[in-house]
C-alpha atoms as a PDB file:
ATOM      1  CA  MET A   1       9.223 -32.727 -95.385  1.00  0.00           C
ATOM      2  CA  LEU A   2       7.175 -32.491 -91.866  1.00  0.00           C
ATOM      3  CA  TRP A   3      10.202 -30.847 -90.226  1.00  0.00           C
ATOM      4  CA  LEU A   4       9.915 -28.214 -93.222  1.00  0.00           C
ATOM      5  CA  VAL A   5       6.225 -27.634 -92.892  1.00  0.00           C
ATOM      6  CA  PHE A   6       6.525 -27.113 -88.884  1.00  0.00           C
ATOM      7  CA  PHE A   7       9.497 -24.871 -89.206  1.00  0.00           C
ATOM      8  CA  THR A   8       8.357 -22.684 -91.850  1.00  0.00           C
ATOM      9  CA  ASN A   9       4.674 -22.102 -90.039  1.00  0.00           C
ATOM     10  CA  LEU A  10       6.517 -21.403 -86.976  1.00  0.00           C
ATOM     11  CA  LEU A  11       8.885 -18.859 -88.656  1.00  0.00           C
ATOM     12  CA  TRP A  12       5.849 -17.349 -90.763  1.00  0.00           C
ATOM     13  CA  VAL A  13       3.744 -17.312 -86.925  1.00  0.00           C
ATOM     14  CA  ARG A  14       7.018 -15.567 -85.138  1.00  0.00           C
ATOM     15  CA  TYR A  15       7.388 -13.042 -88.275  1.00  0.00           C
ATOM     16  CA  SER A  16       3.828 -11.929 -88.424  1.00  0.00           C
ATOM     17  CA  SER A  17       3.552 -11.566 -84.747  1.00  0.00           C
ATOM     18  CA  ARG A  18       6.234  -8.963 -84.907  1.00  0.00           C
ATOM     19  CA  ARG A  19       5.607  -5.407 -83.733  1.00  0.00           C
ATOM     20  CA  THR A  20       7.014  -2.799 -82.865  1.00  0.00           C
ATOM     21  CA  THR A  21       6.227  -1.681 -79.113  1.00  0.00           C
ATOM     22  CA  GLY A  22       8.983   0.678 -78.056  1.00  0.00           C
ATOM     23  CA  THR A  23      11.870  -0.595 -76.179  1.00  0.00           C
ATOM     24  CA  PRO A  24      11.045  -3.845 -74.057  1.00  0.00           C
ATOM     25  CA  LEU A  25      11.215  -3.171 -70.245  1.00  0.00           C
ATOM     26  CA  VAL A  26      13.687  -5.116 -68.922  1.00  0.00           C
ATOM     27  CA  ASP A  27      12.979  -7.782 -65.990  1.00  0.00           C
ATOM     28  CA  CYS A  28      16.413  -8.767 -64.691  1.00  0.00           C
ATOM     29  CA  ALA A  29      14.973 -11.479 -62.155  1.00  0.00           C
ATOM     30  CA  ALA A  30      12.909 -13.001 -64.742  1.00  0.00           C
ATOM     31  CA  ARG A  31      15.711 -12.951 -67.241  1.00  0.00           C
ATOM     32  CA  GLN A  32      18.032 -14.803 -64.411  1.00  0.00           C
ATOM     33  CA  GLU A  33      15.241 -17.172 -64.116  1.00  0.00           C
ATOM     34  CA  ARG A  34      15.352 -17.918 -67.653  1.00  0.00           C
ATOM     35  CA  GLN A  35      18.743 -17.982 -68.041  1.00  0.00           C
ATOM     36  CA  TRP A  36      19.236 -21.535 -67.139  1.00  0.00           C
ATOM     37  CA  HIS A  37      16.427 -22.529 -69.690  1.00  0.00           C
ATOM     38  CA  ILE A  38      18.492 -20.772 -72.588  1.00  0.00           C
ATOM     39  CA  ILE A  39      21.881 -22.586 -71.489  1.00  0.00           C
ATOM     40  CA  ALA A  40      20.408 -25.869 -71.253  1.00  0.00           C
ATOM     41  CA  LEU A  41      18.729 -25.312 -74.739  1.00  0.00           C
ATOM     42  CA  ALA A  42      22.079 -24.057 -76.009  1.00  0.00           C
ATOM     43  CA  LEU A  43      23.806 -27.465 -74.816  1.00  0.00           C
ATOM     44  CA  PHE A  44      20.977 -29.775 -76.437  1.00  0.00           C
ATOM     45  CA  ALA A  45      19.262 -28.063 -79.502  1.00  0.00           C
ATOM     46  CA  PRO A  46      22.324 -28.210 -81.333  1.00  0.00           C
ATOM     47  CA  LEU A  47      22.765 -32.269 -80.654  1.00  0.00           C
ATOM     48  CA  TRP A  48      18.986 -32.394 -81.244  1.00  0.00           C
ATOM     49  CA  PHE A  49      19.026 -30.520 -84.832  1.00  0.00           C
ATOM     50  CA  GLY A  50      22.367 -32.415 -85.784  1.00  0.00           C
ATOM     51  CA  GLY A  51      20.959 -35.641 -85.540  1.00  0.00           C
ATOM     52  CA  ILE A  52      17.870 -34.236 -87.540  1.00  0.00           C
ATOM     53  CA  ILE A  53      20.462 -33.285 -90.230  1.00  0.00           C
ATOM     54  CA  LEU A  54      22.127 -36.362 -90.114  1.00  0.00           C
ATOM     55  CA  TYR A  55      19.094 -38.782 -89.830  1.00  0.00           C
ATOM     56  CA  ALA A  56      18.012 -36.943 -93.352  1.00  0.00           C
ATOM     57  CA  LEU A  57      21.060 -36.317 -95.222  1.00  0.00           C
ATOM     58  CA  ILE A  58      23.712 -39.390 -94.018  1.00  0.00           C
ATOM     59  CA  PRO A  59      21.670 -41.832 -91.986  1.00  0.00           C
ATOM     60  CA  ARG A  60      24.119 -44.202 -92.151  1.00  0.00           C
ATOM     61  CA  TRP A  61      26.371 -42.176 -89.581  1.00  0.00           C
ATOM     62  CA  ILE A  62      23.697 -42.483 -86.829  1.00  0.00           C
ATOM     63  CA  ARG A  63      22.215 -46.237 -88.072  1.00  0.00           C
ATOM     64  CA  PHE A  64      24.124 -47.486 -85.149  1.00  0.00           C
ATOM     65  CA  PHE A  65      21.507 -46.076 -82.758  1.00  0.00           C
ATOM     66  CA  SER A  66      18.579 -47.580 -84.054  1.00  0.00           C
ATOM     67  CA  MET A  67      16.083 -49.020 -82.494  1.00  0.00           C
ATOM     68  CA  PRO A  68      13.585 -51.921 -83.820  1.00  0.00           C
ATOM     69  CA  SER A  69       9.986 -50.485 -84.486  1.00  0.00           C
ATOM     70  CA  PRO A  70       7.108 -51.937 -86.753  1.00  0.00           C
ATOM     71  CA  ALA A  71       6.472 -50.081 -89.653  1.00  0.00           C
ATOM     72  CA  TRP A  72       2.514 -49.476 -88.537  1.00  0.00           C
ATOM     73  CA  PHE A  73       4.030 -47.845 -85.320  1.00  0.00           C
ATOM     74  CA  ARG A  74       6.297 -45.678 -87.418  1.00  0.00           C
ATOM     75  CA  MET A  75       3.125 -44.737 -89.686  1.00  0.00           C
ATOM     76  CA  THR A  76       0.971 -43.807 -86.808  1.00  0.00           C
ATOM     77  CA  MET A  77       3.800 -41.430 -85.404  1.00  0.00           C
ATOM     78  CA  ALA A  78       3.965 -39.654 -88.692  1.00  0.00           C
ATOM     79  CA  GLY A  79       0.109 -39.377 -88.967  1.00  0.00           C
ATOM     80  CA  LEU A  80       0.300 -37.817 -85.470  1.00  0.00           C
ATOM     81  CA  ALA A  81       2.973 -35.441 -86.229  1.00  0.00           C
ATOM     82  CA  ALA A  82       1.276 -34.411 -89.398  1.00  0.00           C
ATOM     83  CA  LEU A  83      -1.862 -33.756 -87.073  1.00  0.00           C
ATOM     84  CA  SER A  84       0.263 -32.099 -84.827  1.00  0.00           C
ATOM     85  CA  ILE A  85       0.944 -28.760 -87.064  1.00  0.00           C
ATOM     86  CA  PRO A  86      -2.315 -27.720 -87.600  1.00  0.00           C
ATOM     87  CA  PHE A  87      -3.148 -27.969 -84.199  1.00  0.00           C
ATOM     88  CA  THR A  88      -0.271 -26.015 -82.863  1.00  0.00           C
ATOM     89  CA  ILE A  89      -0.851 -23.301 -85.822  1.00  0.00           C
ATOM     90  CA  TRP A  90      -4.446 -23.334 -84.440  1.00  0.00           C
ATOM     91  CA  GLY A  91      -2.890 -22.369 -81.168  1.00  0.00           C
ATOM     92  CA  TYR A  92      -0.875 -19.407 -82.403  1.00  0.00           C
ATOM     93  CA  ARG A  93      -4.084 -18.155 -84.891  1.00  0.00           C
ATOM     94  CA  THR A  94      -6.328 -18.088 -81.632  1.00  0.00           C
ATOM     95  CA  LEU A  95      -3.905 -16.351 -79.540  1.00  0.00           C
ATOM     96  CA  GLY A  96      -3.514 -13.592 -82.608  1.00  0.00           C
ATOM     97  CA  ASN A  97      -1.838 -10.326 -81.375  1.00  0.00           C
ATOM     98  CA  ASN A  98      -1.846 -11.818 -77.580  1.00  0.00           C
ATOM     99  CA  TRP A  99       1.195 -14.018 -78.631  1.00  0.00           C
ATOM    100  CA  VAL A 100       4.695 -13.186 -77.262  1.00  0.00           C
ATOM    101  CA  HIS A 101       7.615 -15.007 -77.713  1.00  0.00           C
ATOM    102  CA  ALA A 102       8.537 -17.129 -74.457  1.00  0.00           C
ATOM    103  CA  LEU A 103      12.076 -15.241 -74.276  1.00  0.00           C
ATOM    104  CA  GLU A 104      10.256 -11.688 -74.471  1.00  0.00           C
ATOM    105  CA  PRO A 105       7.659 -11.692 -71.317  1.00  0.00           C
ATOM    106  CA  ALA A 106       8.597  -7.949 -70.538  1.00  0.00           C
ATOM    107  CA  GLN A 107       7.150  -6.908 -73.773  1.00  0.00           C
ATOM    108  CA  PHE A 108       3.662  -8.794 -72.868  1.00  0.00           C
ATOM    109  CA  MET A 109       3.719  -7.129 -69.365  1.00  0.00           C
ATOM    110  CA  GLN A 110       3.963  -3.649 -71.356  1.00  0.00           C
ATOM    111  CA  ARG A 111       0.969  -4.351 -73.677  1.00  0.00           C
ATOM    112  CA  ASN A 112      -2.236  -2.479 -72.542  1.00  0.00           C
ATOM    113  CA  ARG A 113      -4.570  -4.794 -74.990  1.00  0.00           C
ATOM    114  CA  GLY A 114      -3.757  -7.837 -74.079  1.00  0.00           C
ATOM    115  CA  THR A 115      -6.806 -10.325 -73.325  1.00  0.00           C
ATOM    116  CA  LEU A 116      -6.752 -13.867 -71.674  1.00  0.00           C
ATOM    117  CA  VAL A 117      -7.874 -16.311 -74.531  1.00  0.00           C
ATOM    118  CA  THR A 118      -9.768 -19.311 -73.342  1.00  0.00           C
ATOM    119  CA  ASN A 119     -11.774 -20.428 -76.455  1.00  0.00           C
ATOM    120  CA  GLY A 120     -10.542 -22.471 -79.552  1.00  0.00           C
ATOM    121  CA  PRO A 121      -7.983 -24.947 -78.277  1.00  0.00           C
ATOM    122  CA  TYR A 122      -7.265 -23.097 -75.106  1.00  0.00           C
ATOM    123  CA  ARG A 123     -10.819 -24.561 -73.813  1.00  0.00           C
ATOM    124  CA  TYR A 124      -8.847 -28.023 -74.046  1.00  0.00           C
ATOM    125  CA  VAL A 125      -5.496 -27.094 -72.307  1.00  0.00           C
ATOM    126  CA  ARG A 126      -3.928 -23.949 -71.165  1.00  0.00           C
ATOM    127  CA  ASN A 127      -0.575 -24.549 -73.571  1.00  0.00           C
ATOM    128  CA  PRO A 128      -2.056 -26.158 -76.967  1.00  0.00           C
ATOM    129  CA  ILE A 129       1.084 -24.466 -78.753  1.00  0.00           C
ATOM    130  CA  TYR A 130       3.580 -26.404 -76.575  1.00  0.00           C
ATOM    131  CA  LEU A 131       1.369 -29.586 -76.665  1.00  0.00           C
ATOM    132  CA  GLY A 132       1.334 -29.666 -80.513  1.00  0.00           C
ATOM    133  CA  ALA A 133       4.714 -28.906 -80.507  1.00  0.00           C
ATOM    134  CA  PHE A 134       5.949 -31.536 -77.867  1.00  0.00           C
ATOM    135  CA  THR A 135       3.981 -34.232 -79.619  1.00  0.00           C
ATOM    136  CA  PHE A 136       5.302 -32.986 -83.172  1.00  0.00           C
ATOM    137  CA  ILE A 137       8.881 -33.387 -81.693  1.00  0.00           C
ATOM    138  CA  ILE A 138       8.121 -36.706 -79.786  1.00  0.00           C
ATOM    139  CA  ALA A 139       6.464 -38.220 -83.017  1.00  0.00           C
ATOM    140  CA  LEU A 140       9.208 -37.620 -85.754  1.00  0.00           C
ATOM    141  CA  ALA A 141      11.673 -39.050 -82.793  1.00  0.00           C
ATOM    142  CA  LEU A 142       9.839 -42.119 -82.633  1.00  0.00           C
ATOM    143  CA  VAL A 143       9.112 -42.297 -86.615  1.00  0.00           C
ATOM    144  CA  SER A 144      13.022 -42.100 -86.713  1.00  0.00           C
ATOM    145  CA  SER A 145      13.599 -44.776 -84.482  1.00  0.00           C
ATOM    146  CA  ASN A 146      16.500 -43.484 -83.254  1.00  0.00           C
ATOM    147  CA  TRP A 147      17.834 -42.955 -80.145  1.00  0.00           C
ATOM    148  CA  PHE A 148      20.212 -40.421 -81.295  1.00  0.00           C
ATOM    149  CA  LEU A 149      17.047 -38.224 -82.402  1.00  0.00           C
ATOM    150  CA  LEU A 150      14.584 -39.492 -79.391  1.00  0.00           C
ATOM    151  CA  VAL A 151      17.153 -39.037 -76.438  1.00  0.00           C
ATOM    152  CA  PRO A 152      17.705 -35.422 -77.475  1.00  0.00           C
ATOM    153  CA  ALA A 153      14.545 -34.655 -78.087  1.00  0.00           C
ATOM    154  CA  VAL A 154      13.078 -35.839 -74.358  1.00  0.00           C
ATOM    155  CA  PHE A 155      15.912 -33.054 -72.755  1.00  0.00           C
ATOM    156  CA  VAL A 156      14.623 -30.314 -75.005  1.00  0.00           C
ATOM    157  CA  ILE A 157      11.143 -31.016 -74.498  1.00  0.00           C
ATOM    158  CA  THR A 158      12.019 -31.154 -70.283  1.00  0.00           C
ATOM    159  CA  ILE A 159      13.677 -28.048 -70.612  1.00  0.00           C
ATOM    160  CA  VAL A 160      11.199 -26.469 -72.365  1.00  0.00           C
ATOM    161  CA  TYR A 161       8.397 -27.604 -70.419  1.00  0.00           C
ATOM    162  CA  LEU A 162       9.774 -26.037 -67.235  1.00  0.00           C
ATOM    163  CA  GLN A 163       9.703 -22.677 -68.603  1.00  0.00           C
ATOM    164  CA  ILE A 164       5.931 -23.004 -68.449  1.00  0.00           C
ATOM    165  CA  ASN A 165       6.003 -22.070 -64.862  1.00  0.00           C
ATOM    166  CA  GLY A 166       7.446 -18.816 -65.771  1.00  0.00           C
ATOM    167  CA  GLU A 167       5.090 -18.203 -68.173  1.00  0.00           C
ATOM    168  CA  GLU A 168       1.887 -18.981 -66.266  1.00  0.00           C
ATOM    169  CA  LYS A 169       3.406 -16.854 -63.196  1.00  0.00           C
ATOM    170  CA  MET A 170       3.676 -13.796 -65.718  1.00  0.00           C
ATOM    171  CA  LEU A 171       0.229 -14.593 -66.852  1.00  0.00           C
ATOM    172  CA  LEU A 172      -1.266 -14.740 -63.372  1.00  0.00           C
ATOM    173  CA  ALA A 173       0.582 -11.517 -62.565  1.00  0.00           C
ATOM    174  CA  ARG A 174      -1.406  -9.861 -65.893  1.00  0.00           C
ATOM    175  CA  PHE A 175      -4.730 -11.102 -64.911  1.00  0.00           C
ATOM    176  CA  GLY A 176      -4.909 -12.370 -61.462  1.00  0.00           C
ATOM    177  CA  ASP A 177      -8.153 -14.216 -60.150  1.00  0.00           C
ATOM    178  CA  GLU A 178      -9.183 -14.780 -63.951  1.00  0.00           C
ATOM    179  CA  TYR A 179      -6.228 -16.731 -64.487  1.00  0.00           C
ATOM    180  CA  ARG A 180      -6.479 -18.751 -61.319  1.00  0.00           C
ATOM    181  CA  ALA A 181     -10.091 -19.584 -62.632  1.00  0.00           C
ATOM    182  CA  TYR A 182      -9.387 -20.541 -65.853  1.00  0.00           C
ATOM    183  CA  MET A 183      -6.333 -22.886 -64.469  1.00  0.00           C
ATOM    184  CA  LYS A 184      -8.728 -24.557 -62.086  1.00  0.00           C
ATOM    185  CA  GLN A 185     -11.168 -25.106 -65.174  1.00  0.00           C
ATOM    186  CA  THR A 186      -8.514 -26.351 -67.716  1.00  0.00           C
ATOM    187  CA  PRO A 187      -5.764 -28.500 -67.585  1.00  0.00           C
ATOM    188  CA  ARG A 188      -2.277 -27.384 -68.360  1.00  0.00           C
ATOM    189  CA  LEU A 189      -1.216 -29.519 -70.987  1.00  0.00           C
ATOM    190  CA  VAL A 190      -2.788 -32.807 -70.809  1.00  0.00           C
ATOM    191  CA  PRO A 191      -6.486 -32.930 -71.893  1.00  0.00           C
ATOM    192  CA  GLY A 192      -8.816 -34.284 -69.415  1.00  0.00           C
ATOM    193  CA  PHE A 193      -6.019 -34.098 -66.891  1.00  0.00           C
ATOM    194  CA  ARG A 194      -5.815 -31.592 -63.921  1.00  0.00           C
ATOM    195  CA  ARG A 195      -3.615 -31.672 -60.720  1.00  0.00           C
END
């Protein structure tokens, strides 16, 4: 049920943020830089989603990969996953019309009205949407207590985390010193932790 709530909200945010801004500019260098992320996700995402479907519909097929976890730990992780959903939505709603899908940076760069958002959850971390999504994914993998869900989830998160560098380069190109100052004040992903 948590998966359904999470993905329904993501689809709603994606649909509501669509805009007709004309043909996006093509950024060949950025597209090539992201290409390996897309290939890696295409390899691991089906395994990850397949594990989720098997766990939900036919759990006995992957019971062999189960790992022992106490009930209190699994319940705590379920609670953490549930709390990460409103946190992620808070990040999306705070961005409002500034949100652009990670695979469409050219759309962001051609906008004239984009502003740097530093309020709401962006006061605490620069990437609250990623933080919420990563927390949700790992927490639910731990709820399942199954290596068949946990290992692909870690790979998917690692691949997606690596694209943050490209997004931050895009923000630096767009906002310059304003974003550099924000980077110095606000950690990338873990509240209270700065490089």
